[in-house]
C-alpha atoms as a PDB file:
ATOM      1  CA  MET A   1     -14.927 -18.389  -6.143  1.00  0.00           C
ATOM      2  CA  PRO A   2     -12.570 -16.533  -3.822  1.00  0.00           C
ATOM      3  CA  GLU A   3     -10.813 -14.447  -7.112  1.00  0.00           C
ATOM      4  CA  ILE A   4     -14.557 -13.021  -7.452  1.00  0.00           C
ATOM      5  CA  VAL A   5     -15.319 -12.079  -4.384  1.00  0.00           C
ATOM      6  CA  ILE A   6     -12.112  -9.369  -4.024  1.00  0.00           C
ATOM      7  CA  PRO A   7     -13.506  -7.281  -6.941  1.00  0.00           C
ATOM      8  CA  VAL A   8     -17.296  -7.500  -6.020  1.00  0.00           C
ATOM      9  CA  THR A   9     -16.256  -6.373  -2.752  1.00  0.00           C
ATOM     10  CA  LEU A  10     -14.082  -3.486  -4.155  1.00  0.00           C
ATOM     11  CA  PHE A  11     -16.864  -2.134  -6.510  1.00  0.00           C
ATOM     12  CA  ALA A  12     -19.439  -2.401  -3.558  1.00  0.00           C
ATOM     13  CA  SER A  13     -17.463  -0.498  -1.477  1.00  0.00           C
ATOM     14  CA  ILE A  14     -16.874   2.305  -4.201  1.00  0.00           C
ATOM     15  CA  PHE A  15     -20.338   2.324  -5.093  1.00  0.00           C
ATOM     16  CA  GLY A  16     -21.307   2.698  -1.377  1.00  0.00           C
ATOM     17  CA  VAL A  17     -19.029   5.662  -0.684  1.00  0.00           C
ATOM     18  CA  VAL A  18     -20.313   7.483  -3.567  1.00  0.00           C
ATOM     19  CA  TYR A  19     -24.019   7.052  -2.758  1.00  0.00           C
ATOM     20  CA  MET A  20     -23.469   8.028   0.894  1.00  0.00           C
ATOM     21  CA  PHE A  21     -21.709  11.102  -0.496  1.00  0.00           C
ATOM     22  CA  LEU A  22     -24.467  11.692  -2.959  1.00  0.00           C
ATOM     23  CA  THR A  23     -27.561  11.112  -0.323  1.00  0.00           C
ATOM     24  CA  THR A  24     -25.811  13.050   2.510  1.00  0.00           C
ATOM     25  CA  ARG A  25     -25.166  16.069   0.117  1.00  0.00           C
ATOM     26  CA  HIS A  26     -28.672  16.296  -1.396  1.00  0.00           C
ATOM     27  CA  LYS A  27     -30.250  15.903   2.711  1.00  0.00           C
ATOM     28  CA  GLU A  28     -27.536  18.729   3.589  1.00  0.00           C
ATOM     29  CA  ARG A  29     -29.267  20.731   0.365  1.00  0.00           C
ATOM     30  CA  ILE A  30     -32.535  19.863   1.319  1.00  0.00           C
ATOM     31  CA  ALA A  31     -32.090  20.964   5.171  1.00  0.00           C
ATOM     32  CA  MET A  32     -30.658  24.465   3.779  1.00  0.00           C
ATOM     33  CA  ILE A  33     -33.237  24.979   1.557  1.00  0.00           C
ATOM     34  CA  GLU A  34     -36.115  24.453   4.294  1.00  0.00           C
ATOM     35  CA  LYS A  35     -34.093  26.551   6.650  1.00  0.00           C
ATOM     36  CA  GLY A  36     -34.457  29.366   4.223  1.00  0.00           C
ATOM     37  CA  MET A  37     -30.476  29.518   3.771  1.00  0.00           C
ATOM     38  CA  ASP A  38     -28.798  30.345   0.164  1.00  0.00           C
ATOM     39  CA  VAL A  39     -27.752  27.109  -1.617  1.00  0.00           C
ATOM     40  CA  SER A  40     -25.920  29.284  -4.064  1.00  0.00           C
ATOM     41  CA  LEU A  41     -23.028  29.268  -1.554  1.00  0.00           C
ATOM     42  CA  LEU A  42     -22.230  26.117  -1.854  1.00  0.00           C
ATOM     43  CA  THR A  43     -21.376  26.306  -5.486  1.00  0.00           C
ATOM     44  CA  LYS A  44     -20.042  29.846  -5.309  1.00  0.00           C
ATOM     45  CA  LYS A  45     -16.469  30.280  -6.550  1.00  0.00           C
ATOM     46  CA  SER A  46     -14.005  32.164  -4.543  1.00  0.00           C
ATOM     47  CA  GLU A  47     -12.675  35.360  -5.510  1.00  0.00           C
ATOM     48  CA  ASN A  48      -9.309  33.944  -6.049  1.00  0.00           C
ATOM     49  CA  SER A  49     -10.182  31.126  -8.070  1.00  0.00           C
ATOM     50  CA  SER A  50      -8.973  30.992 -11.513  1.00  0.00           C
ATOM     51  CA  PRO A  51     -10.352  30.019 -14.956  1.00  0.00           C
ATOM     52  CA  ILE A  52      -7.491  27.592 -15.495  1.00  0.00           C
ATOM     53  CA  ASN A  53      -8.433  23.806 -14.548  1.00  0.00           C
ATOM     54  CA  PHE A  54      -5.493  22.940 -12.548  1.00  0.00           C
ATOM     55  CA  TRP A  55      -6.686  19.348 -11.922  1.00  0.00           C
ATOM     56  CA  VAL A  56      -6.393  18.766 -15.916  1.00  0.00           C
ATOM     57  CA  ILE A  57      -3.065  19.719 -15.671  1.00  0.00           C
ATOM     58  CA  LYS A  58      -2.536  17.460 -13.019  1.00  0.00           C
ATOM     59  CA  VAL A  59      -3.970  14.514 -14.505  1.00  0.00           C
ATOM     60  CA  GLY A  60      -1.991  15.151 -17.821  1.00  0.00           C
ATOM     61  CA  LEU A  61       1.297  15.375 -16.601  1.00  0.00           C
ATOM     62  CA  LEU A  62       0.363  12.395 -14.222  1.00  0.00           C
ATOM     63  CA  MET A  63      -0.536  10.397 -17.452  1.00  0.00           C
ATOM     64  CA  VAL A  64       2.658  11.636 -19.311  1.00  0.00           C
ATOM     65  CA  GLY A  65       4.713  10.490 -16.380  1.00  0.00           C
ATOM     66  CA  ILE A  66       2.891   6.981 -15.934  1.00  0.00           C
ATOM     67  CA  ALA A  67       3.902   6.575 -19.716  1.00  0.00           C
ATOM     68  CA  ILE A  68       7.169   7.656 -19.565  1.00  0.00           C
ATOM     69  CA  GLY A  69       7.644   4.871 -16.447  1.00  0.00           C
ATOM     70  CA  VAL A  70       6.787   2.262 -18.682  1.00  0.00           C
ATOM     71  CA  PHE A  71       8.770   2.785 -21.674  1.00  0.00           C
ATOM     72  CA  LEU A  72      11.727   3.264 -19.060  1.00  0.00           C
ATOM     73  CA  GLY A  73      10.771   0.424 -17.382  1.00  0.00           C
ATOM     74  CA  SER A  74      10.622  -1.488 -20.395  1.00  0.00           C
ATOM     75  CA  LEU A  75      14.346  -0.493 -20.796  1.00  0.00           C
ATOM     76  CA  ALA A  76      15.537  -1.183 -17.608  1.00  0.00           C
ATOM     77  CA  SER A  77      14.110  -4.584 -17.499  1.00  0.00           C
ATOM     78  CA  LYS A  78      16.058  -5.568 -20.644  1.00  0.00           C
ATOM     79  CA  GLY A  79      19.731  -4.720 -18.842  1.00  0.00           C
ATOM     80  CA  LEU A  80      19.848  -3.155 -15.731  1.00  0.00           C
ATOM     81  CA  MET A  81      17.037  -4.426 -13.379  1.00  0.00           C
ATOM     82  CA  ASP A  82      15.052  -7.652 -13.134  1.00  0.00           C
ATOM     83  CA  GLU A  83      10.923  -6.897 -14.709  1.00  0.00           C
ATOM     84  CA  ASP A  84       9.708  -7.115 -11.647  1.00  0.00           C
ATOM     85  CA  GLU A  85      11.189  -4.401  -9.898  1.00  0.00           C
ATOM     86  CA  ALA A  86      11.707  -2.031 -13.165  1.00  0.00           C
ATOM     87  CA  TYR A  87       7.785  -1.548 -13.979  1.00  0.00           C
ATOM     88  CA  PRO A  88       6.608  -0.747 -10.514  1.00  0.00           C
ATOM     89  CA  THR A  89      10.088   1.402  -9.753  1.00  0.00           C
ATOM     90  CA  MET A  90      10.264   3.562 -13.198  1.00  0.00           C
ATOM     91  CA  ILE A  91       5.875   4.034 -12.932  1.00  0.00           C
ATOM     92  CA  LEU A  92       6.360   5.573  -9.327  1.00  0.00           C
ATOM     93  CA  LEU A  93       8.895   7.375  -9.827  1.00  0.00           C
ATOM     94  CA  PHE A  94       7.793   9.097 -12.768  1.00  0.00           C
ATOM     95  CA  GLY A  95       4.477   9.348 -11.602  1.00  0.00           C
ATOM     96  CA  GLY A  96       5.516  11.328  -8.224  1.00  0.00           C
ATOM     97  CA  LEU A  97       7.940  13.269 -10.465  1.00  0.00           C
ATOM     98  CA  ALA A  98       5.232  14.562 -12.429  1.00  0.00           C
ATOM     99  CA  LEU A  99       2.947  15.272  -9.573  1.00  0.00           C
ATOM    100  CA  LEU A 100       5.590  17.287  -8.336  1.00  0.00           C
ATOM    101  CA  SER A 101       6.083  19.007 -11.388  1.00  0.00           C
ATOM    102  CA  SER A 102       2.219  19.843 -11.228  1.00  0.00           C
ATOM    103  CA  TYR A 103       2.412  21.130  -8.152  1.00  0.00           C
ATOM    104  CA  PHE A 104       5.222  23.751  -9.037  1.00  0.00           C
ATOM    105  CA  LEU A 105       3.535  24.522 -12.271  1.00  0.00           C
ATOM    106  CA  GLU A 106       0.334  25.344 -10.293  1.00  0.00           C
ATOM    107  CA  LYS A 107       1.896  27.448  -7.969  1.00  0.00           C
ATOM    108  CA  LYS A 108       3.535  29.254 -10.231  1.00  0.00           C
ATOM    109  CA  LEU A 109       0.534  29.853 -12.669  1.00  0.00           C
ATOM    110  CA  ARG A 110      -1.421  31.136  -9.237  1.00  0.00           C
ATOM    111  CA  LYS A 111       1.084  33.253  -8.540  1.00  0.00           C
ATOM    112  CA  ALA A 112       1.471  34.497 -12.121  1.00  0.00           C
ATOM    113  CA  ASP A 113      -2.491  35.644 -12.067  1.00  0.00           C
END
């Protein structure tokens, strides 16, 4: 029984946060419409926004970093480290390096625009 409590609580918490976010956003927009304000201000992109979706680059590089971390973790667990240490260490190391590289790539691409 206690094993099921943690996943149920996790999913209920995630649902609660998403539900509150969406209902609050809806109420805010309804209030803006009632006051006669322009709702398109909420979705208008800034003039400096780029057509490149940087979150796609970030997520893609993170997945590649995690895959490299899993691969090198399996290699390190064979001879260099214990298996309990090798996998998390390599996954976090290469995931972090991937996020750092995505930051610098995004910075370079924004500068080029």
